[in-house]
Amino acid sequence: MRVKRLPRFDGAYLKLSPATQKKVEKTIMFLVSDLKYPSLRVKKMQGVDAYEARVDIHYRLTFGIVADVLELYTVGMHDTGLGKK
């Protein structure tokens, strides 16, 4: 599966600490290899055609799957990472 980082994702990613960026990269690696990896806790978001995955206890990222491409939408603290704030 290919990965496509949308501009909004890249902007939010660059604002994260290096330690959190490393966790995000690990999360992306797990998403590509196995969407059902237990620690990701992937679930469909209500009302939109997108999914959320857990980076750690505080951070989330959102994504969609189009054909065989994992599109990364945004990342950040829980509500921010889910695009709510």
PDB file of N, CA and C in Angstrom:
ATOM      1  N   MET A   1       0.854  -1.181   0.000  1.00  0.00           N
ATOM      2  CA  MET A   1       0.000   0.000   0.000  1.00  0.00           C
ATOM      3  C   MET A   1       0.900   1.244   0.000  1.00  0.00           C
ATOM      4  N   ARG A   2       0.545   2.182  -0.873  1.00  0.00           N
ATOM      5  CA  ARG A   2       1.284   3.446  -0.925  1.00  0.00           C
ATOM      6  C   ARG A   2       0.720   4.415   0.116  1.00  0.00           C
ATOM      7  N   VAL A   3       1.527   5.407   0.495  1.00  0.00           N
ATOM      8  CA  VAL A   3       1.109   6.420   1.472  1.00  0.00           C
ATOM      9  C   VAL A   3       1.154   7.791   0.813  1.00  0.00           C
ATOM     10  N   LYS A   4       0.080   8.548   0.985  1.00  0.00           N
ATOM     11  CA  LYS A   4       0.016   9.908   0.465  1.00  0.00           C
ATOM     12  C   LYS A   4      -0.247  10.843   1.648  1.00  0.00           C
ATOM     13  N   ARG A   5       0.692  11.739   1.898  1.00  0.00           N
ATOM     14  CA  ARG A   5       0.545  12.717   2.979  1.00  0.00           C
ATOM     15  C   ARG A   5      -0.057  13.995   2.403  1.00  0.00           C
ATOM     16  N   LEU A   6      -1.227  14.357   2.863  1.00  0.00           N
ATOM     17  CA  LEU A   6      -1.854  15.589   2.399  1.00  0.00           C
ATOM     18  C   LEU A   6      -1.180  16.791   3.067  1.00  0.00           C
ATOM     19  N   PRO A   7      -1.238  17.982   2.434  1.00  0.00           N
ATOM     20  CA  PRO A   7      -0.569  19.165   2.982  1.00  0.00           C
ATOM     21  C   PRO A   7      -0.956  19.473   4.435  1.00  0.00           C
ATOM     22  N   ARG A   8      -2.225  19.289   4.777  1.00  0.00           N
ATOM     23  CA  ARG A   8      -2.658  19.557   6.155  1.00  0.00           C
ATOM     24  C   ARG A   8      -1.949  18.624   7.133  1.00  0.00           C
ATOM     25  N   PHE A   9      -1.777  17.373   6.740  1.00  0.00           N
ATOM     26  CA  PHE A   9      -1.065  16.408   7.580  1.00  0.00           C
ATOM     27  C   PHE A   9       0.381  16.853   7.771  1.00  0.00           C
ATOM     28  N   ASP A  10       1.051  17.199   6.679  1.00  0.00           N
ATOM     29  CA  ASP A  10       2.452  17.610   6.767  1.00  0.00           C
ATOM     30  C   ASP A  10       2.629  18.835   7.657  1.00  0.00           C
ATOM     31  N   GLY A  11       1.716  19.801   7.544  1.00  0.00           N
ATOM     32  CA  GLY A  11       1.802  20.999   8.376  1.00  0.00           C
ATOM     33  C   GLY A  11       1.670  20.669   9.852  1.00  0.00           C
ATOM     34  N   ALA A  12       0.721  19.812  10.193  1.00  0.00           N
ATOM     35  CA  ALA A  12       0.522  19.414  11.586  1.00  0.00           C
ATOM     36  C   ALA A  12       1.688  18.558  12.074  1.00  0.00           C
ATOM     37  N   TYR A  13       2.183  17.702  11.217  1.00  0.00           N
ATOM     38  CA  TYR A  13       3.300  16.810  11.563  1.00  0.00           C
ATOM     39  C   TYR A  13       4.550  17.615  11.940  1.00  0.00           C
ATOM     40  N   LEU A  14       4.826  18.652  11.180  1.00  0.00           N
ATOM     41  CA  LEU A  14       6.026  19.452  11.431  1.00  0.00           C
ATOM     42  C   LEU A  14       5.969  20.208  12.764  1.00  0.00           C
ATOM     43  N   LYS A  15       4.772  20.400  13.303  1.00  0.00           N
ATOM     44  CA  LYS A  15       4.612  21.091  14.584  1.00  0.00           C
ATOM     45  C   LYS A  15       4.816  20.164  15.781  1.00  0.00           C
ATOM     46  N   LEU A  16       4.888  18.869  15.526  1.00  0.00           N
ATOM     47  CA  LEU A  16       5.058  17.900  16.604  1.00  0.00           C
ATOM     48  C   LEU A  16       6.511  17.812  17.049  1.00  0.00           C
ATOM     49  N   SER A  17       6.722  17.365  18.280  1.00  0.00           N
ATOM     50  CA  SER A  17       8.083  17.165  18.776  1.00  0.00           C
ATOM     51  C   SER A  17       8.726  16.009  18.013  1.00  0.00           C
ATOM     52  N   PRO A  18      10.065  15.973  17.976  1.00  0.00           N
ATOM     53  CA  PRO A  18      10.737  14.864  17.292  1.00  0.00           C
ATOM     54  C   PRO A  18      10.331  13.493  17.841  1.00  0.00           C
ATOM     55  N   ALA A  19      10.129  13.388  19.148  1.00  0.00           N
ATOM     56  CA  ALA A  19       9.731  12.106  19.740  1.00  0.00           C
ATOM     57  C   ALA A  19       8.350  11.690  19.242  1.00  0.00           C
ATOM     58  N   THR A  20       7.426  12.643  19.146  1.00  0.00           N
ATOM     59  CA  THR A  20       6.084  12.339  18.674  1.00  0.00           C
ATOM     60  C   THR A  20       6.109  12.034  17.180  1.00  0.00           C
ATOM     61  N   GLN A  21       6.938  12.744  16.416  1.00  0.00           N
ATOM     62  CA  GLN A  21       7.072  12.453  14.990  1.00  0.00           C
ATOM     63  C   GLN A  21       7.531  11.010  14.778  1.00  0.00           C
ATOM     64  N   LYS A  22       8.439  10.554  15.618  1.00  0.00           N
ATOM     65  CA  LYS A  22       8.922   9.180  15.514  1.00  0.00           C
ATOM     66  C   LYS A  22       7.777   8.191  15.761  1.00  0.00           C
ATOM     67  N   LYS A  23       6.919   8.500  16.747  1.00  0.00           N
ATOM     68  CA  LYS A  23       5.757   7.644  17.025  1.00  0.00           C
ATOM     69  C   LYS A  23       4.786   7.644  15.842  1.00  0.00           C
ATOM     70  N   VAL A  24       4.625   8.799  15.205  1.00  0.00           N
ATOM     71  CA  VAL A  24       3.738   8.891  14.045  1.00  0.00           C
ATOM     72  C   VAL A  24       4.270   8.016  12.915  1.00  0.00           C
ATOM     73  N   GLU A  25       5.560   8.071  12.674  1.00  0.00           N
ATOM     74  CA  GLU A  25       6.160   7.246  11.618  1.00  0.00           C
ATOM     75  C   GLU A  25       5.950   5.760  11.903  1.00  0.00           C
ATOM     76  N   LYS A  26       6.080   5.370  13.164  1.00  0.00           N
ATOM     77  CA  LYS A  26       5.860   3.978  13.551  1.00  0.00           C
ATOM     78  C   LYS A  26       4.393   3.597  13.328  1.00  0.00           C
ATOM     79  N   THR A  27       3.486   4.514  13.668  1.00  0.00           N
ATOM     80  CA  THR A  27       2.062   4.263  13.459  1.00  0.00           C
ATOM     81  C   THR A  27       1.760   4.064  11.981  1.00  0.00           C
ATOM     82  N   ILE A  28       2.333   4.906  11.131  1.00  0.00           N
ATOM     83  CA  ILE A  28       2.125   4.788   9.684  1.00  0.00           C
ATOM     84  C   ILE A  28       2.639   3.435   9.185  1.00  0.00           C
ATOM     85  N   MET A  29       3.793   3.029   9.692  1.00  0.00           N
ATOM     86  CA  MET A  29       4.366   1.745   9.302  1.00  0.00           C
ATOM     87  C   MET A  29       3.400   0.604   9.651  1.00  0.00           C
ATOM     88  N   PHE A  30       2.826   0.652  10.851  1.00  0.00           N
ATOM     89  CA  PHE A  30       1.872  -0.381  11.260  1.00  0.00           C
ATOM     90  C   PHE A  30       0.604  -0.324  10.413  1.00  0.00           C
ATOM     91  N   LEU A  31       0.123   0.890  10.085  1.00  0.00           N
ATOM     92  CA  LEU A  31      -1.077   1.013   9.254  1.00  0.00           C
ATOM     93  C   LEU A  31      -0.867   0.370   7.886  1.00  0.00           C
ATOM     94  N   VAL A  32       0.289   0.595   7.308  1.00  0.00           N
ATOM     95  CA  VAL A  32       0.585   0.039   5.985  1.00  0.00           C
ATOM     96  C   VAL A  32       0.652  -1.484   6.036  1.00  0.00           C
ATOM     97  N   SER A  33       1.218  -2.014   7.105  1.00  0.00           N
ATOM     98  CA  SER A  33       1.385  -3.468   7.180  1.00  0.00           C
ATOM     99  C   SER A  33       0.132  -4.196   7.674  1.00  0.00           C
ATOM    100  N   ASP A  34      -0.637  -3.551   8.602  1.00  0.00           N
ATOM    101  CA  ASP A  34      -1.801  -4.238   9.168  1.00  0.00           C
ATOM    102  C   ASP A  34      -2.740  -3.212   9.809  1.00  0.00           C
ATOM    103  N   LEU A  35      -3.821  -2.874   9.109  1.00  0.00           N
ATOM    104  CA  LEU A  35      -4.783  -1.890   9.636  1.00  0.00           C
ATOM    105  C   LEU A  35      -5.430  -2.327  10.944  1.00  0.00           C
ATOM    106  N   LYS A  36      -5.400  -3.621  11.211  1.00  0.00           N
ATOM    107  CA  LYS A  36      -6.024  -4.137  12.430  1.00  0.00           C
ATOM    108  C   LYS A  36      -5.022  -4.353  13.559  1.00  0.00           C
ATOM    109  N   TYR A  37      -3.835  -3.768  13.428  1.00  0.00           N
ATOM    110  CA  TYR A  37      -2.829  -3.901  14.487  1.00  0.00           C
ATOM    111  C   TYR A  37      -3.436  -3.379  15.795  1.00  0.00           C
ATOM    112  N   PRO A  38      -3.431  -4.180  16.864  1.00  0.00           N
ATOM    113  CA  PRO A  38      -4.185  -3.856  18.077  1.00  0.00           C
ATOM    114  C   PRO A  38      -3.923  -2.488  18.712  1.00  0.00           C
ATOM    115  N   SER A  39      -2.689  -2.059  18.807  1.00  0.00           N
ATOM    116  CA  SER A  39      -2.411  -0.797  19.503  1.00  0.00           C
ATOM    117  C   SER A  39      -2.901   0.431  18.739  1.00  0.00           C
ATOM    118  N   LEU A  40      -3.200   0.291  17.445  1.00  0.00           N
ATOM    119  CA  LEU A  40      -3.673   1.431  16.650  1.00  0.00           C
ATOM    120  C   LEU A  40      -5.115   1.809  16.987  1.00  0.00           C
ATOM    121  N   ARG A  41      -5.895   0.830  17.387  1.00  0.00           N
ATOM    122  CA  ARG A  41      -7.312   1.043  17.704  1.00  0.00           C
ATOM    123  C   ARG A  41      -8.026   1.814  16.595  1.00  0.00           C
ATOM    124  N   VAL A  42      -7.849   1.370  15.385  1.00  0.00           N
ATOM    125  CA  VAL A  42      -8.457   2.021  14.220  1.00  0.00           C
ATOM    126  C   VAL A  42      -9.975   1.913  14.307  1.00  0.00           C
ATOM    127  N   LYS A  43     -10.628   3.043  14.047  1.00  0.00           N
ATOM    128  CA  LYS A  43     -12.092   3.015  13.981  1.00  0.00           C
ATOM    129  C   LYS A  43     -12.584   4.057  12.994  1.00  0.00           C
ATOM    130  N   LYS A  44     -13.753   3.785  12.442  1.00  0.00           N
ATOM    131  CA  LYS A  44     -14.374   4.704  11.482  1.00  0.00           C
ATOM    132  C   LYS A  44     -14.902   5.910  12.240  1.00  0.00           C
ATOM    133  N   MET A  45     -14.681   7.094  11.672  1.00  0.00           N
ATOM    134  CA  MET A  45     -15.187   8.325  12.288  1.00  0.00           C
ATOM    135  C   MET A  45     -16.645   8.513  11.895  1.00  0.00           C
ATOM    136  N   GLN A  46     -17.432   9.027  12.826  1.00  0.00           N
ATOM    137  CA  GLN A  46     -18.850   9.236  12.567  1.00  0.00           C
ATOM    138  C   GLN A  46     -19.064  10.428  11.641  1.00  0.00           C
ATOM    139  N   GLY A  47     -19.955  10.257  10.678  1.00  0.00           N
ATOM    140  CA  GLY A  47     -20.367  11.352   9.817  1.00  0.00           C
ATOM    141  C   GLY A  47     -19.430  11.712   8.682  1.00  0.00           C
ATOM    142  N   VAL A  48     -18.275  11.082   8.588  1.00  0.00           N
ATOM    143  CA  VAL A  48     -17.336  11.365   7.501  1.00  0.00           C
ATOM    144  C   VAL A  48     -16.761  10.049   6.988  1.00  0.00           C
ATOM    145  N   ASP A  49     -16.233  10.090   5.798  1.00  0.00           N
ATOM    146  CA  ASP A  49     -15.625   8.898   5.213  1.00  0.00           C
ATOM    147  C   ASP A  49     -14.139   8.885   5.544  1.00  0.00           C
ATOM    148  N   ALA A  50     -13.827   8.709   6.832  1.00  0.00           N
ATOM    149  CA  ALA A  50     -12.445   8.715   7.299  1.00  0.00           C
ATOM    150  C   ALA A  50     -12.324   7.812   8.524  1.00  0.00           C
ATOM    151  N   TYR A  51     -11.087   7.484   8.848  1.00  0.00           N
ATOM    152  CA  TYR A  51     -10.785   6.636   9.996  1.00  0.00           C
ATOM    153  C   TYR A  51      -9.809   7.374  10.908  1.00  0.00           C
ATOM    154  N   GLU A  52      -9.776   6.955  12.169  1.00  0.00           N
ATOM    155  CA  GLU A  52      -8.791   7.491  13.096  1.00  0.00           C
ATOM    156  C   GLU A  52      -7.949   6.341  13.617  1.00  0.00           C
ATOM    157  N   ALA A  53      -6.702   6.647  13.936  1.00  0.00           N
ATOM    158  CA  ALA A  53      -5.794   5.677  14.528  1.00  0.00           C
ATOM    159  C   ALA A  53      -5.072   6.354  15.685  1.00  0.00           C
ATOM    160  N   ARG A  54      -4.741   5.567  16.663  1.00  0.00           N
ATOM    161  CA  ARG A  54      -4.077   6.070  17.861  1.00  0.00           C
ATOM    162  C   ARG A  54      -2.565   6.060  17.667  1.00  0.00           C
ATOM    163  N   VAL A  55      -1.938   7.221  17.866  1.00  0.00           N
ATOM    164  CA  VAL A  55      -0.478   7.313  17.841  1.00  0.00           C
ATOM    165  C   VAL A  55       0.043   6.960  19.235  1.00  0.00           C
ATOM    166  N   ASP A  56      -0.549   7.575  20.251  1.00  0.00           N
ATOM    167  CA  ASP A  56      -0.309   7.238  21.652  1.00  0.00           C
ATOM    168  C   ASP A  56      -1.526   7.696  22.448  1.00  0.00           C
ATOM    169  N   ILE A  57      -1.421   7.791  23.747  1.00  0.00           N
ATOM    170  CA  ILE A  57      -2.589   8.122  24.561  1.00  0.00           C
ATOM    171  C   ILE A  57      -3.141   9.515  24.245  1.00  0.00           C
ATOM    172  N   HIS A  58      -2.299  10.428  23.782  1.00  0.00           N
ATOM    173  CA  HIS A  58      -2.720  11.801  23.537  1.00  0.00           C
ATOM    174  C   HIS A  58      -2.925  12.152  22.067  1.00  0.00           C
ATOM    175  N   TYR A  59      -2.231  11.480  21.175  1.00  0.00           N
ATOM    176  CA  TYR A  59      -2.224  11.865  19.762  1.00  0.00           C
ATOM    177  C   TYR A  59      -2.976  10.878  18.887  1.00  0.00           C
ATOM    178  N   ARG A  60      -3.661  11.440  17.867  1.00  0.00           N
ATOM    179  CA  ARG A  60      -4.402  10.650  16.889  1.00  0.00           C
ATOM    180  C   ARG A  60      -4.045  11.136  15.488  1.00  0.00           C
ATOM    181  N   LEU A  61      -4.238  10.263  14.532  1.00  0.00           N
ATOM    182  CA  LEU A  61      -4.139  10.699  13.144  1.00  0.00           C
ATOM    183  C   LEU A  61      -5.375  10.210  12.412  1.00  0.00           C
ATOM    184  N   THR A  62      -5.740  10.939  11.360  1.00  0.00           N
ATOM    185  CA  THR A  62      -6.891  10.554  10.557  1.00  0.00           C
ATOM    186  C   THR A  62      -6.408  10.207   9.153  1.00  0.00           C
ATOM    187  N   PHE A  63      -7.148   9.287   8.543  1.00  0.00           N
ATOM    188  CA  PHE A  63      -6.746   8.822   7.220  1.00  0.00           C
ATOM    189  C   PHE A  63      -7.938   8.248   6.477  1.00  0.00           C
ATOM    190  N   GLY A  64      -7.735   8.060   5.199  1.00  0.00           N
ATOM    191  CA  GLY A  64      -8.715   7.398   4.357  1.00  0.00           C
ATOM    192  C   GLY A  64      -7.974   6.437   3.448  1.00  0.00           C
ATOM    193  N   ILE A  65      -8.709   5.539   2.834  1.00  0.00           N
ATOM    194  CA  ILE A  65      -8.103   4.599   1.899  1.00  0.00           C
ATOM    195  C   ILE A  65      -8.818   4.748   0.563  1.00  0.00           C
ATOM    196  N   VAL A  66      -8.063   5.148  -0.448  1.00  0.00           N
ATOM    197  CA  VAL A  66      -8.593   5.323  -1.795  1.00  0.00           C
ATOM    198  C   VAL A  66      -7.811   4.381  -2.706  1.00  0.00           C
ATOM    199  N   ALA A  67      -8.523   3.426  -3.268  1.00  0.00           N
ATOM    200  CA  ALA A  67      -7.895   2.361  -4.067  1.00  0.00           C
ATOM    201  C   ALA A  67      -6.861   1.667  -3.184  1.00  0.00           C
ATOM    202  N   ASP A  68      -5.604   1.728  -3.531  1.00  0.00           N
ATOM    203  CA  ASP A  68      -4.560   1.094  -2.724  1.00  0.00           C
ATOM    204  C   ASP A  68      -3.645   2.163  -2.120  1.00  0.00           C
ATOM    205  N   VAL A  69      -4.225   3.331  -1.787  1.00  0.00           N
ATOM    206  CA  VAL A  69      -3.445   4.445  -1.250  1.00  0.00           C
ATOM    207  C   VAL A  69      -3.981   4.829   0.120  1.00  0.00           C
ATOM    208  N   LEU A  70      -3.086   4.879   1.103  1.00  0.00           N
ATOM    209  CA  LEU A  70      -3.420   5.338   2.445  1.00  0.00           C
ATOM    210  C   LEU A  70      -3.208   6.855   2.459  1.00  0.00           C
ATOM    211  N   GLU A  71      -4.297   7.618   2.504  1.00  0.00           N
ATOM    212  CA  GLU A  71      -4.203   9.076   2.498  1.00  0.00           C
ATOM    213  C   GLU A  71      -4.245   9.578   3.929  1.00  0.00           C
ATOM    214  N   LEU A  72      -3.179  10.258   4.350  1.00  0.00           N
ATOM    215  CA  LEU A  72      -3.087  10.795   5.705  1.00  0.00           C
ATOM    216  C   LEU A  72      -3.640  12.213   5.709  1.00  0.00           C
ATOM    217  N   TYR A  73      -4.692  12.442   6.534  1.00  0.00           N
ATOM    218  CA  TYR A  73      -5.382  13.733   6.536  1.00  0.00           C
ATOM    219  C   TYR A  73      -4.815  14.715   7.547  1.00  0.00           C
ATOM    220  N   THR A  74      -4.730  14.307   8.812  1.00  0.00           N
ATOM    221  CA  THR A  74      -4.231  15.206   9.841  1.00  0.00           C
ATOM    222  C   THR A  74      -3.711  14.404  11.024  1.00  0.00           C
ATOM    223  N   VAL A  75      -2.959  15.069  11.894  1.00  0.00           N
ATOM    224  CA  VAL A  75      -2.404  14.443  13.087  1.00  0.00           C
ATOM    225  C   VAL A  75      -2.287  15.505  14.179  1.00  0.00           C
ATOM    226  N   GLY A  76      -2.490  15.107  15.412  1.00  0.00           N
ATOM    227  CA  GLY A  76      -2.346  16.049  16.523  1.00  0.00           C
ATOM    228  C   GLY A  76      -2.951  15.498  17.800  1.00  0.00           C
ATOM    229  N   MET A  77      -3.032  16.375  18.810  1.00  0.00           N
ATOM    230  CA  MET A  77      -3.657  16.001  20.068  1.00  0.00           C
ATOM    231  C   MET A  77      -5.045  15.467  19.760  1.00  0.00           C
ATOM    232  N   HIS A  78      -5.603  14.707  20.652  1.00  0.00           N
ATOM    233  CA  HIS A  78      -6.839  13.967  20.389  1.00  0.00           C
ATOM    234  C   HIS A  78      -7.850  14.718  19.549  1.00  0.00           C
ATOM    235  N   ASP A  79      -8.432  15.820  20.031  1.00  0.00           N
ATOM    236  CA  ASP A  79      -9.451  16.524  19.263  1.00  0.00           C
ATOM    237  C   ASP A  79      -8.889  17.215  18.035  1.00  0.00           C
ATOM    238  N   THR A  80      -7.687  17.784  18.141  1.00  0.00           N
ATOM    239  CA  THR A  80      -7.066  18.436  16.991  1.00  0.00           C
ATOM    240  C   THR A  80      -6.735  17.399  15.917  1.00  0.00           C
ATOM    241  N   GLY A  81      -6.197  16.273  16.341  1.00  0.00           N
ATOM    242  CA  GLY A  81      -5.837  15.203  15.396  1.00  0.00           C
ATOM    243  C   GLY A  81      -7.044  14.632  14.684  1.00  0.00           C
ATOM    244  N   LEU A  82      -8.213  14.774  15.297  1.00  0.00           N
ATOM    245  CA  LEU A  82      -9.429  14.284  14.672  1.00  0.00           C
ATOM    246  C   LEU A  82     -10.135  15.375  13.879  1.00  0.00           C
ATOM    247  N   GLY A  83      -9.512  16.558  13.786  1.00  0.00           N
ATOM    248  CA  GLY A  83     -10.060  17.646  13.006  1.00  0.00           C
ATOM    249  C   GLY A  83     -11.225  18.361  13.677  1.00  0.00           C
ATOM    250  N   LYS A  84     -11.357  18.232  14.999  1.00  0.00           N
ATOM    251  CA  LYS A  84     -12.475  18.831  15.706  1.00  0.00           C
ATOM    252  C   LYS A  84     -12.186  20.249  16.190  1.00  0.00           C
ATOM    253  N   LYS A  85     -10.915  20.616  16.254  1.00  0.00           N
ATOM    254  CA  LYS A  85     -10.563  21.968  16.725  1.00  0.00           C
ATOM    255  C   LYS A  85      -9.570  22.603  15.790  1.00  0.00           C
TER     256      LYS A  85
END
